[in-house]
N, C-alpha and C. Protein backbone atom coordinates (compact mmCIF):
# COMPACT_ATOMS: atom_id res chain seq x y z
N UNK A 1 -3.98 64.21 -20.17
CA UNK A 1 -3.23 63.29 -21.40
C UNK A 1 -2.07 63.40 -21.69
N UNK A 2 -1.79 65.34 -21.94
CA UNK A 2 -1.13 65.95 -22.43
C UNK A 2 0.42 65.57 -21.44
N UNK A 3 0.08 65.26 -19.84
CA UNK A 3 1.11 65.01 -18.88
C UNK A 3 1.65 63.03 -19.13
N UNK A 4 0.48 62.57 -19.25
CA UNK A 4 1.14 61.09 -19.55
C UNK A 4 1.58 60.83 -21.24
N UNK A 5 1.74 61.91 -22.09
CA UNK A 5 2.76 61.88 -23.56
C UNK A 5 3.81 62.39 -22.47
N UNK A 6 4.06 63.71 -22.06
CA UNK A 6 5.48 63.99 -21.81
C UNK A 6 6.16 63.56 -20.52
N UNK A 7 5.25 61.96 -19.87
CA UNK A 7 5.81 61.64 -19.66
C UNK A 7 6.91 60.31 -20.09
N UNK A 8 5.80 59.85 -21.01
CA UNK A 8 6.07 58.75 -22.16
C UNK A 8 7.25 59.01 -22.83
N UNK A 9 7.18 60.27 -23.11
CA UNK A 9 8.54 60.60 -23.59
C UNK A 9 9.91 60.97 -22.85
N UNK A 10 9.55 60.99 -21.47
CA UNK A 10 11.00 60.89 -21.25
C UNK A 10 11.43 60.03 -20.57
N UNK A 11 10.41 58.72 -21.06
CA UNK A 11 10.79 57.77 -20.68
C UNK A 11 10.82 57.11 -21.69
N UNK A 12 11.38 57.49 -22.49
CA UNK A 12 10.68 56.61 -24.31
C UNK A 12 11.54 55.03 -23.50
N UNK A 13 13.14 55.55 -23.28
CA UNK A 13 13.53 54.25 -23.31
C UNK A 13 13.28 53.17 -22.54
N UNK A 14 12.82 52.96 -22.15
CA UNK A 14 11.36 51.68 -21.29
C UNK A 14 11.12 50.98 -22.48
N UNK A 15 10.49 51.82 -23.47
CA UNK A 15 9.31 51.26 -24.36
C UNK A 15 11.33 50.43 -26.06
N UNK A 16 12.37 51.64 -25.13
CA UNK A 16 13.55 50.75 -26.40
C UNK A 16 13.66 49.51 -26.16
N UNK A 17 13.22 48.35 -27.04
CA UNK A 17 14.05 46.89 -26.89
C UNK A 17 14.96 46.16 -26.42
N UNK A 18 16.09 47.37 -26.94
CA UNK A 18 17.79 47.24 -26.85
C UNK A 18 18.32 47.30 -25.58
N UNK A 19 16.99 47.79 -24.90
CA UNK A 19 17.90 47.90 -23.10
C UNK A 19 17.39 46.72 -22.09
N UNK A 20 18.25 46.47 -22.28
CA UNK A 20 18.16 44.88 -21.24
C UNK A 20 17.05 45.09 -20.47
N UNK A 21 16.68 43.98 -19.75
CA UNK A 21 16.05 44.08 -18.06
C UNK A 21 16.94 43.59 -17.41
N UNK A 22 16.81 43.65 -15.85
CA UNK A 22 17.35 42.77 -14.52
C UNK A 22 17.23 41.56 -14.43
N UNK A 23 17.92 40.63 -14.18
CA UNK A 23 17.62 39.27 -14.44
C UNK A 23 16.92 39.04 -12.94
N UNK A 24 15.97 38.82 -12.87
CA UNK A 24 15.91 38.43 -10.75
C UNK A 24 16.39 37.69 -10.25
N UNK A 25 16.98 37.92 -8.78
CA UNK A 25 18.57 37.08 -8.09
C UNK A 25 17.42 35.88 -7.63
N UNK A 26 18.67 35.05 -7.72
CA UNK A 26 17.74 33.62 -7.27
C UNK A 26 17.51 33.88 -5.57
N UNK A 27 16.02 32.98 -5.19
CA UNK A 27 16.30 33.06 -4.04
C UNK A 27 16.61 31.65 -3.37
N UNK A 28 16.77 30.73 -4.19
CA UNK A 28 17.58 29.28 -3.30
C UNK A 28 18.93 29.10 -4.65
N UNK A 29 19.90 28.14 -3.46
CA UNK A 29 21.15 28.06 -4.51
C UNK A 29 21.11 27.43 -4.07
N UNK A 30 21.47 26.50 -5.58
CA UNK A 30 21.61 25.02 -6.14
C UNK A 30 22.95 24.45 -5.11
N UNK A 31 22.85 23.27 -5.07
CA UNK A 31 23.05 21.87 -4.41
C UNK A 31 24.72 22.03 -4.48
N UNK A 32 25.17 22.24 -5.42
CA UNK A 32 26.48 23.06 -5.89
C UNK A 32 26.65 23.37 -5.32
N UNK A 33 26.45 25.22 -5.36
CA UNK A 33 26.51 26.09 -4.82
C UNK A 33 26.79 26.07 -3.61
N UNK A 34 25.63 25.67 -2.91
CA UNK A 34 26.30 25.20 -1.60
C UNK A 34 27.47 24.48 -0.74
N UNK A 35 27.66 23.75 -1.26
CA UNK A 35 28.95 22.53 -1.03
C UNK A 35 29.89 23.45 -1.60
N UNK A 36 30.56 24.01 -2.75
CA UNK A 36 31.29 24.87 -3.13
C UNK A 36 32.09 25.92 -2.21
N UNK A 37 30.13 26.67 -1.48
CA UNK A 37 30.99 26.94 -0.80
C UNK A 37 31.37 26.95 1.03
N UNK A 38 30.83 25.26 0.84
CA UNK A 38 31.29 25.03 2.33
C UNK A 38 32.19 23.92 2.52
N UNK A 39 32.81 23.93 1.14
CA UNK A 39 33.78 22.71 1.12
C UNK A 39 34.30 22.04 2.18
N UNK A 40 35.13 23.49 2.39
CA UNK A 40 36.46 23.02 4.07
C UNK A 40 35.59 22.89 4.91
N UNK A 41 34.44 23.58 5.26
CA UNK A 41 33.41 23.09 6.47
C UNK A 41 33.13 21.65 6.29
N UNK A 42 32.76 20.90 5.29
CA UNK A 42 32.70 19.58 4.85
C UNK A 42 33.31 18.52 5.40
N UNK A 43 35.19 19.46 4.48
CA UNK A 43 35.63 17.94 4.50
C UNK A 43 36.37 17.67 6.05
N UNK A 44 36.04 19.08 7.07
CA UNK A 44 36.82 18.95 8.18
C UNK A 44 35.65 17.44 8.96
N UNK A 45 34.41 18.08 8.87
CA UNK A 45 33.07 17.57 9.77
C UNK A 45 33.49 15.98 8.94
N UNK A 46 33.42 16.01 7.73
CA UNK A 46 33.54 14.33 7.25
C UNK A 46 34.96 13.80 7.85
N UNK A 47 36.23 14.42 8.38
CA UNK A 47 37.51 13.83 8.57
C UNK A 47 37.01 13.21 10.41
N UNK A 48 36.60 14.80 10.47
CA UNK A 48 36.48 14.13 12.23
C UNK A 48 35.30 13.06 12.67
N UNK A 49 34.37 12.99 11.80
CA UNK A 49 33.12 11.53 11.80
C UNK A 49 34.18 10.20 11.88
N UNK A 50 34.69 10.40 10.52
CA UNK A 50 35.42 9.32 9.89
C UNK A 50 36.77 8.84 10.88
N UNK A 51 37.12 9.92 11.44
CA UNK A 51 38.31 9.28 12.23
C UNK A 51 37.07 8.96 13.70
N UNK A 52 36.63 9.23 14.23
CA UNK A 52 36.25 9.11 14.89
C UNK A 52 35.53 7.42 15.01
N UNK A 53 35.20 7.20 13.63
CA UNK A 53 34.38 5.77 13.63
C UNK A 53 35.99 4.86 13.77
N UNK A 54 37.30 5.52 13.25
CA UNK A 54 38.07 4.50 13.08
C UNK A 54 38.91 4.46 14.41
N UNK A 55 38.70 5.41 15.42
CA UNK A 55 39.05 5.35 16.62
C UNK A 55 38.30 3.64 17.51
N UNK A 56 36.56 4.36 17.33
CA UNK A 56 36.40 3.08 18.00
C UNK A 56 35.78 1.93 17.36
N UNK A 57 36.63 1.54 16.35
CA UNK A 57 36.09 0.23 15.42
C UNK A 57 37.60 -0.32 16.73
N UNK A 58 39.08 0.44 16.76
CA UNK A 58 39.41 0.18 17.47
C UNK A 58 40.06 -0.31 18.25
N UNK A 59 39.37 0.91 19.37
CA UNK A 59 39.20 0.24 20.59
C UNK A 59 38.20 -0.62 21.10
N UNK A 60 36.58 -0.69 20.75
CA UNK A 60 36.31 -2.29 20.71
C UNK A 60 37.25 -2.96 20.09
N UNK A 61 37.83 -3.13 19.55
CA UNK A 61 38.58 -4.30 18.83
C UNK A 61 39.60 -5.20 19.99
N UNK A 62 40.12 -4.28 20.48
CA UNK A 62 41.27 -4.30 21.94
C UNK A 62 40.11 -4.90 22.74
N UNK A 63 39.22 -3.85 22.89
CA UNK A 63 38.27 -4.37 23.97
C UNK A 63 38.27 -5.94 23.74
N UNK A 64 37.80 -5.88 23.07
CA UNK A 64 37.23 -7.24 22.65
C UNK A 64 38.18 -8.03 22.67
N UNK A 65 39.57 -8.29 22.03
CA UNK A 65 40.30 -9.16 22.17
C UNK A 65 40.80 -8.82 23.93
N UNK A 66 40.74 -8.50 24.14
CA UNK A 66 41.22 -8.42 25.59
C UNK A 66 40.10 -9.59 26.73
N UNK A 67 39.20 -9.18 25.95
CA UNK A 67 37.56 -9.93 26.76
C UNK A 67 38.14 -11.75 26.60
N UNK A 68 38.29 -11.90 25.48
CA UNK A 68 38.65 -13.21 25.41
C UNK A 68 39.61 -14.40 26.20
N UNK A 69 38.77 -14.81 26.91
CA UNK A 69 39.68 -15.98 28.23
C UNK A 69 40.25 -17.01 27.25
N UNK A 70 40.79 -17.62 28.33
CA UNK A 70 42.30 -18.63 27.47
C UNK A 70 41.45 -19.40 27.66
N UNK A 71 41.47 -20.61 26.77
CA UNK A 71 40.10 -21.74 26.95
C UNK A 71 40.90 -22.73 28.18
N UNK A 72 40.14 -23.04 28.86
CA UNK A 72 40.24 -23.56 29.98
C UNK A 72 40.22 -25.22 30.21
N UNK A 73 41.68 -25.52 30.68
CA UNK A 73 41.70 -26.84 30.70
C UNK A 73 40.37 -27.94 30.62
N UNK A 74 40.19 -29.11 30.23
CA UNK A 74 38.99 -30.07 30.12
C UNK A 74 39.58 -30.87 31.80
N UNK A 75 38.01 -30.61 32.31
CA UNK A 75 37.80 -31.10 33.61
C UNK A 75 38.13 -32.71 33.59
N UNK A 76 38.92 -33.03 34.41
CA UNK A 76 38.46 -34.87 34.41
C UNK A 76 37.41 -34.67 34.74
N UNK A 77 36.68 -36.21 34.07
CA UNK A 77 35.24 -36.55 34.69
C UNK A 77 35.48 -37.05 36.25
N UNK A 78 36.46 -37.96 36.47
CA UNK A 78 37.07 -38.65 37.72
C UNK A 78 37.48 -37.43 38.53
N UNK A 79 37.79 -36.18 38.68
CA UNK A 79 38.05 -35.86 39.78
C UNK A 79 37.49 -35.15 39.67
N UNK A 80 36.57 -34.67 38.89
CA UNK A 80 34.98 -33.60 39.59
C UNK A 80 34.47 -34.75 40.08
N UNK A 81 34.17 -35.73 40.20
CA UNK A 81 33.09 -37.29 40.64
C UNK A 81 33.89 -36.88 42.18
N UNK A 82 35.02 -37.02 42.09
CA UNK A 82 35.18 -37.48 43.22
C UNK A 82 35.43 -36.45 44.19
N UNK A 83 35.79 -35.27 43.31
CA UNK A 83 35.44 -33.85 44.41
C UNK A 83 34.06 -34.08 44.76
N UNK A 84 32.85 -33.76 44.08
CA UNK A 84 31.31 -34.03 44.47
C UNK A 84 31.35 -35.17 45.69
N UNK A 85 31.92 -35.98 45.50
CA UNK A 85 31.21 -37.14 46.90
C UNK A 85 31.77 -36.43 47.78
N UNK A 86 32.68 -35.90 47.86
CA UNK A 86 33.51 -35.67 49.76
C UNK A 86 32.87 -34.34 49.84
N UNK A 87 32.48 -33.30 48.74
CA UNK A 87 31.98 -32.65 49.50
C UNK A 87 30.72 -33.26 49.54
N UNK A 88 29.83 -33.75 49.42
CA UNK A 88 28.26 -34.33 49.48
C UNK A 88 28.62 -35.38 51.17
N UNK A 89 29.47 -35.87 51.14
CA UNK A 89 30.21 -36.86 52.21
C UNK A 89 30.10 -35.31 53.18
N UNK A 90 30.98 -34.22 53.39
CA UNK A 90 31.71 -34.12 54.36
C UNK A 90 30.31 -32.48 54.52
N UNK A 91 29.20 -32.58 53.60
CA UNK A 91 28.64 -31.25 53.58
C UNK A 91 27.33 -31.37 55.46
N UNK A 92 28.05 -30.47 55.93
CA UNK A 92 27.19 -30.11 57.36
C UNK A 92 26.11 -29.13 57.27
N UNK A 93 24.90 -29.11 57.79
CA UNK A 93 24.47 -30.27 58.18
C UNK A 93 24.18 -31.07 57.05
N UNK A 94 23.85 -32.00 57.08
CA UNK A 94 23.64 -33.75 56.23
C UNK A 94 22.29 -33.25 55.30
N UNK A 95 22.69 -33.72 54.11
CA UNK A 95 20.77 -33.53 53.57
C UNK A 95 20.80 -34.67 54.15
N UNK A 96 19.25 -34.28 53.84
CA UNK A 96 18.00 -35.61 54.32
C UNK A 96 18.13 -36.80 52.78
N UNK A 97 18.00 -37.75 53.81
CA UNK A 97 18.16 -39.30 52.81
C UNK A 97 17.43 -38.65 51.28
N UNK A 98 16.59 -38.61 50.80
CA UNK A 98 15.68 -38.61 49.55
C UNK A 98 17.04 -37.06 48.45
N UNK A 99 16.92 -36.40 48.98
CA UNK A 99 17.85 -35.15 48.52
C UNK A 99 19.17 -35.99 48.38
N UNK A 100 19.63 -36.49 49.09
CA UNK A 100 21.30 -37.09 48.99
C UNK A 100 21.27 -38.60 48.45
N UNK A 101 20.22 -38.56 48.11
CA UNK A 101 21.02 -39.67 47.41
C UNK A 101 20.32 -39.52 45.79
N UNK A 102 19.57 -38.37 45.57
CA UNK A 102 19.16 -37.76 44.57
C UNK A 102 20.76 -36.93 44.04
N UNK A 103 21.02 -36.31 44.68
CA UNK A 103 22.50 -35.71 44.45
C UNK A 103 23.80 -36.61 44.06
N UNK A 104 23.55 -37.49 44.55
CA UNK A 104 24.35 -38.65 45.18
C UNK A 104 24.52 -39.53 42.88
N UNK A 105 23.45 -39.58 42.62
CA UNK A 105 22.70 -40.50 42.01
C UNK A 105 22.77 -39.07 41.02
N UNK A 106 22.82 -38.28 40.97
CA UNK A 106 23.09 -38.17 39.16
C UNK A 106 24.71 -37.22 39.63
N UNK A 107 25.80 -37.41 40.70
CA UNK A 107 27.22 -37.40 40.26
C UNK A 107 27.91 -39.03 39.56
N UNK A 108 26.99 -39.44 40.30
CA UNK A 108 27.63 -40.84 39.68
C UNK A 108 26.64 -41.04 38.14
N UNK A 109 26.30 -40.17 37.51
CA UNK A 109 25.62 -40.50 36.44
C UNK A 109 26.15 -39.60 35.24
N UNK A 110 26.55 -38.79 36.17
CA UNK A 110 27.33 -37.42 35.31
C UNK A 110 28.44 -37.37 35.10
N UNK A 111 28.98 -38.59 35.83
CA UNK A 111 30.27 -39.56 35.75
C UNK A 111 30.59 -40.49 34.63
N UNK A 112 29.02 -41.09 34.75
CA UNK A 112 29.42 -42.47 33.61
C UNK A 112 28.75 -41.60 32.43
N UNK A 113 28.33 -40.72 32.39
CA UNK A 113 28.32 -39.97 30.95
C UNK A 113 29.49 -39.19 30.11
N UNK A 114 29.92 -38.54 31.26
CA UNK A 114 31.23 -38.21 30.65
C UNK A 114 31.69 -38.85 29.79
N UNK A 115 32.44 -39.60 30.75
CA UNK A 115 33.66 -40.79 30.66
C UNK A 115 33.38 -41.88 29.36
N UNK A 116 32.13 -42.46 29.45
CA UNK A 116 31.48 -43.50 28.61
C UNK A 116 30.61 -42.62 27.30
N UNK A 117 30.47 -41.98 27.30
CA UNK A 117 29.86 -40.83 26.10
C UNK A 117 28.78 -41.60 25.90
N UNK A 118 27.22 -41.86 26.48
CA UNK A 118 26.22 -41.68 26.52
C UNK A 118 25.34 -40.69 27.84
N UNK A 119 24.03 -41.07 27.32
CA UNK A 119 23.41 -39.73 27.99
C UNK A 119 22.91 -40.90 29.27
N UNK A 120 23.36 -40.79 29.71
CA UNK A 120 22.77 -41.15 31.36
C UNK A 120 21.90 -40.40 31.89
N UNK A 121 21.99 -39.06 32.06
CA UNK A 121 21.20 -38.22 32.68
C UNK A 121 20.10 -38.26 32.26
N UNK A 122 20.07 -38.51 30.84
CA UNK A 122 18.38 -38.79 30.24
C UNK A 122 17.36 -39.86 30.26
N UNK A 123 17.65 -40.68 31.32
CA UNK A 123 17.36 -41.85 31.25
C UNK A 123 16.59 -42.11 32.35
N UNK A 124 15.29 -42.86 32.69
CA UNK A 124 15.26 -43.11 33.51
C UNK A 124 16.21 -44.75 34.26
N UNK A 125 15.98 -45.28 35.21
CA UNK A 125 16.54 -46.25 36.02
C UNK A 125 16.75 -47.26 35.40
N UNK A 126 15.60 -47.69 35.41
CA UNK A 126 15.73 -49.20 34.29
C UNK A 126 16.12 -48.65 32.82
N UNK A 127 15.91 -47.86 32.20
CA UNK A 127 17.06 -47.59 30.39
C UNK A 127 18.36 -47.54 31.23
N UNK A 128 18.69 -46.85 32.33
CA UNK A 128 20.00 -46.62 32.41
C UNK A 128 20.54 -48.06 32.59
N UNK A 129 20.06 -49.05 33.22
CA UNK A 129 20.30 -50.34 32.99
C UNK A 129 20.53 -51.23 32.01
N UNK A 130 19.42 -51.02 31.72
CA UNK A 130 19.78 -51.30 29.80
C UNK A 130 21.42 -51.21 29.29
N UNK A 131 21.07 -49.88 28.53
CA UNK A 131 22.01 -49.28 28.48
C UNK A 131 23.81 -49.84 29.25
N UNK A 132 23.23 -50.41 30.47
CA UNK A 132 24.75 -50.81 31.41
C UNK A 132 24.65 -52.12 31.15
N UNK A 133 23.84 -52.96 30.55
CA UNK A 133 23.89 -54.72 30.08
C UNK A 133 24.51 -54.62 29.22
N UNK A 134 23.57 -53.88 27.73
CA UNK A 134 24.33 -53.64 26.92
C UNK A 134 26.15 -52.76 26.47
N UNK A 135 26.34 -51.99 27.23
CA UNK A 135 27.76 -51.72 27.32
C UNK A 135 28.85 -52.88 27.78
N UNK A 136 29.87 -52.51 26.57
CA UNK A 136 31.02 -53.51 26.40
C UNK A 136 32.04 -53.60 27.60
N UNK A 137 32.22 -51.81 28.42
CA UNK A 137 32.95 -52.42 29.44
C UNK A 137 32.39 -52.04 30.26
N UNK A 138 30.64 -51.89 30.87
CA UNK A 138 29.94 -52.18 32.29
C UNK A 138 29.74 -54.19 32.53
N UNK A 139 29.37 -54.15 31.29
CA UNK A 139 28.88 -56.00 30.97
C UNK A 139 29.73 -56.62 31.66
N UNK A 140 29.10 -57.39 32.50
CA UNK A 140 29.54 -58.69 33.49
C UNK A 140 31.07 -58.16 34.16
N UNK A 141 30.98 -56.51 34.52
CA UNK A 141 31.45 -56.34 35.56
C UNK A 141 31.34 -55.19 36.82
N UNK A 142 30.53 -54.46 35.58
CA UNK A 142 29.85 -54.05 37.55
C UNK A 142 28.41 -53.28 37.07
N UNK A 143 28.04 -54.18 36.42
CA UNK A 143 26.85 -54.23 35.82
C UNK A 143 25.87 -54.90 37.51
N UNK A 144 26.02 -56.11 38.18
CA UNK A 144 25.40 -56.17 39.28
C UNK A 144 25.24 -54.65 40.04
N UNK A 145 26.50 -54.19 40.07
CA UNK A 145 27.06 -52.98 41.20
C UNK A 145 25.83 -52.17 41.44
N UNK A 146 25.69 -51.71 40.29
CA UNK A 146 24.85 -50.30 39.37
C UNK A 146 23.64 -50.79 39.82
N UNK A 147 23.39 -52.07 39.27
CA UNK A 147 21.64 -52.62 39.57
C UNK A 147 21.16 -52.23 41.40
N UNK A 148 22.18 -53.19 42.09
CA UNK A 148 21.77 -52.45 43.69
C UNK A 148 22.01 -50.84 43.88
N UNK A 149 22.86 -49.98 43.50
CA UNK A 149 22.71 -48.93 43.78
C UNK A 149 21.25 -48.57 43.30
N UNK A 150 21.56 -48.60 42.03
CA UNK A 150 19.96 -47.40 41.39
C UNK A 150 18.71 -48.57 42.21
N UNK A 151 18.56 -49.79 42.70
CA UNK A 151 17.70 -50.08 43.23
C UNK A 151 17.30 -49.49 45.07
N UNK A 152 18.32 -49.69 45.54
CA UNK A 152 18.13 -49.35 46.55
C UNK A 152 17.98 -47.70 47.12
N UNK A 153 19.29 -46.86 45.72
CA UNK A 153 18.65 -45.18 46.06
C UNK A 153 17.05 -45.30 45.37
N UNK A 154 16.62 -46.03 44.16
CA UNK A 154 14.90 -45.83 44.05
C UNK A 154 14.07 -45.90 44.94
N UNK A 155 14.25 -47.39 46.14
CA UNK A 155 13.62 -47.21 47.13
C UNK A 155 13.63 -46.00 48.13
N UNK A 156 14.83 -45.86 48.55
CA UNK A 156 14.89 -44.28 49.27
C UNK A 156 14.44 -42.62 48.72
N UNK A 157 14.51 -42.96 47.50
CA UNK A 157 13.91 -41.90 47.03
C UNK A 157 12.38 -41.68 46.63
N UNK A 158 11.43 -42.52 46.23
CA UNK A 158 10.34 -42.76 46.39
C UNK A 158 9.64 -43.25 46.98
N UNK A 159 10.48 -44.31 48.38
CA UNK A 159 9.65 -44.74 49.02
C UNK A 159 9.03 -43.78 50.47
N UNK A 160 7.76 -44.28 51.10
CA UNK A 160 7.33 -43.47 51.96
C UNK A 160 7.90 -43.62 53.49
N UNK A 161 8.99 -44.64 53.81
CA UNK A 161 9.04 -45.13 54.35
C UNK A 161 10.23 -44.23 54.96
N UNK A 162 10.19 -44.42 56.18
CA UNK A 162 12.03 -43.28 56.16
C UNK A 162 13.25 -43.98 57.12
N UNK A 163 14.49 -43.73 56.39
CA UNK A 163 15.63 -44.06 55.60
C UNK A 163 16.67 -43.59 57.16
N UNK A 164 17.49 -44.77 57.81
CA UNK A 164 18.35 -44.48 58.78
C UNK A 164 19.90 -44.08 57.70
N UNK A 165 20.51 -43.92 57.85
CA UNK A 165 21.87 -43.13 57.83
C UNK A 165 23.09 -44.29 57.33
N UNK A 166 22.15 -45.70 58.03
CA UNK A 166 23.80 -46.69 57.07
C UNK A 166 23.07 -46.74 55.67
N UNK A 167 21.95 -46.44 55.20
CA UNK A 167 22.06 -47.44 53.88
C UNK A 167 22.41 -45.79 52.94
N UNK A 168 22.00 -44.89 53.02
CA UNK A 168 22.71 -43.57 52.72
C UNK A 168 24.42 -44.20 52.51
N UNK A 169 25.02 -44.37 53.89
CA UNK A 169 26.57 -44.28 53.81
C UNK A 169 26.85 -45.51 52.70
N UNK A 170 26.17 -46.12 52.98
CA UNK A 170 26.76 -47.67 52.01
C UNK A 170 26.69 -47.70 50.94
N UNK A 171 25.58 -46.66 49.97
CA UNK A 171 25.19 -46.01 48.22
C UNK A 171 26.24 -45.25 48.51
N UNK A 172 27.08 -44.20 49.39
CA UNK A 172 27.91 -43.43 48.87
C UNK A 172 28.71 -44.15 49.11
N UNK A 173 29.36 -45.06 49.79
CA UNK A 173 30.22 -45.78 49.73
C UNK A 173 31.01 -46.61 48.15
N UNK A 174 29.16 -47.21 47.90
CA UNK A 174 28.74 -47.88 46.84
C UNK A 174 29.79 -46.99 45.73
N UNK A 175 29.17 -45.69 45.35
CA UNK A 175 29.53 -44.62 44.51
C UNK A 175 31.03 -44.80 44.34
N UNK A 176 31.54 -44.24 45.50
CA UNK A 176 33.11 -43.93 45.39
C UNK A 176 33.48 -45.04 45.19
N UNK A 177 33.34 -46.17 45.31
CA UNK A 177 34.38 -46.94 44.82
C UNK A 177 33.72 -47.52 43.39
N UNK A 178 33.18 -47.31 42.84
CA UNK A 178 32.01 -47.48 41.24
C UNK A 178 32.99 -46.60 40.68
N UNK A 179 33.17 -45.49 41.18
CA UNK A 179 34.26 -44.38 40.52
C UNK A 179 35.47 -44.51 40.92
N UNK A 180 36.20 -45.20 41.61
CA UNK A 180 37.62 -45.34 41.64
C UNK A 180 37.71 -46.61 40.54
N UNK A 181 36.92 -47.55 41.17
CA UNK A 181 37.54 -48.74 40.45
C UNK A 181 36.64 -48.69 38.82
N UNK A 182 35.92 -48.03 38.50
CA UNK A 182 36.14 -47.66 36.63
C UNK A 182 37.09 -46.99 36.00
N UNK A 183 37.37 -46.18 36.77
CA UNK A 183 38.58 -45.37 36.23
C UNK A 183 39.69 -45.64 36.06
N UNK A 184 40.22 -46.29 37.16
CA UNK A 184 40.97 -47.27 37.44
C UNK A 184 40.78 -48.53 35.87
N UNK A 185 40.16 -49.59 35.92
CA UNK A 185 40.14 -49.97 34.65
C UNK A 185 39.57 -49.31 33.12
N UNK A 186 39.30 -48.46 33.25
CA UNK A 186 39.16 -47.62 32.07
C UNK A 186 40.41 -47.24 31.68
N UNK A 187 41.33 -46.61 32.78
CA UNK A 187 42.34 -45.88 32.51
C UNK A 187 43.86 -47.00 31.70
N UNK A 188 43.98 -48.62 32.61
CA UNK A 188 44.36 -49.64 31.78
C UNK A 188 44.10 -49.93 30.54
N UNK A 189 43.09 -50.26 30.56
CA UNK A 189 42.32 -51.32 28.77
C UNK A 189 42.82 -49.60 28.33
N UNK A 190 42.80 -48.20 28.35
CA UNK A 190 43.65 -47.53 27.18
C UNK A 190 44.85 -47.76 27.20
N UNK A 191 45.72 -47.52 27.97
CA UNK A 191 47.30 -47.66 27.57
C UNK A 191 46.61 -49.24 27.34
N UNK A 192 46.68 -50.28 27.33
CA UNK A 192 46.72 -51.90 26.82
C UNK A 192 45.83 -51.49 25.49
N UNK A 193 45.40 -50.75 24.91
CA UNK A 193 44.82 -50.00 23.60
C UNK A 193 46.21 -49.49 22.74
N UNK A 194 46.83 -47.80 23.88
CA UNK A 194 47.81 -47.48 23.33
C UNK A 194 48.93 -48.24 22.48
N UNK A 195 49.02 -49.56 23.79
CA UNK A 195 50.63 -50.01 23.32
C UNK A 195 50.37 -50.91 22.55
N UNK A 196 49.10 -51.29 21.62
CA UNK A 196 48.48 -52.13 21.22
C UNK A 196 48.70 -51.59 19.95
N UNK A 197 47.84 -50.48 19.32
CA UNK A 197 48.66 -49.44 18.45
C UNK A 197 49.80 -49.17 17.76
N UNK A 198 50.59 -48.93 18.91
CA UNK A 198 51.86 -48.83 19.14
C UNK A 198 52.69 -49.35 18.26
N UNK A 199 52.30 -50.56 18.75
CA UNK A 199 53.12 -52.10 18.34
C UNK A 199 53.07 -52.22 17.06
N UNK A 200 51.84 -52.41 16.32
CA UNK A 200 51.26 -52.56 15.39
C UNK A 200 51.63 -51.56 14.48
N UNK A 201 51.49 -50.69 14.72
CA UNK A 201 52.69 -48.82 14.18
C UNK A 201 54.08 -49.72 13.66
N UNK A 202 54.70 -49.97 14.58
CA UNK A 202 56.06 -50.36 14.41
C UNK A 202 56.31 -51.54 13.68
N UNK A 203 55.64 -52.61 14.00
CA UNK A 203 55.87 -53.89 13.06
C UNK A 203 55.75 -53.37 11.35
């Protein structure tokens, strides 16, 4: 007991309220402290990231611009059809009659569809002929030729009988004549219409 009293007397300052106690050191730093201590490093990292993004953007833009192709000139339906018919005619070995006529019919329909702007490829033979009969350009001009082409073509495509090369040759010559003649008439009408418009404007 005496020893305890002596100890208390020796350390009486512990009981003195005027003596301030030590504040504990903080275990964690605030975000502001972390940022302020590493501000230079953060600025460097953000600058590098920003420069990388800018460089990537301009490189991608340059690459995209280099990949943009010049618009190809429109293909002339007439030239395309003539080329396709010539290729079909010169193909060796020659296609069998059925696939030959299917291909020839496709060439002719694509030509008519592209030049005269109606859905020839989507129509059956009967529907196709109805459209031809009601079209101002074909009516009473190429209607009979196209009807014969469709009729003979359907016989070859869907008949079980064997077909000789004469019929397919006849169809090919018929298709070639139709393409050349319709295009010549089409261009002639276009020139006449253009001349009429110019004459009306000059009046």
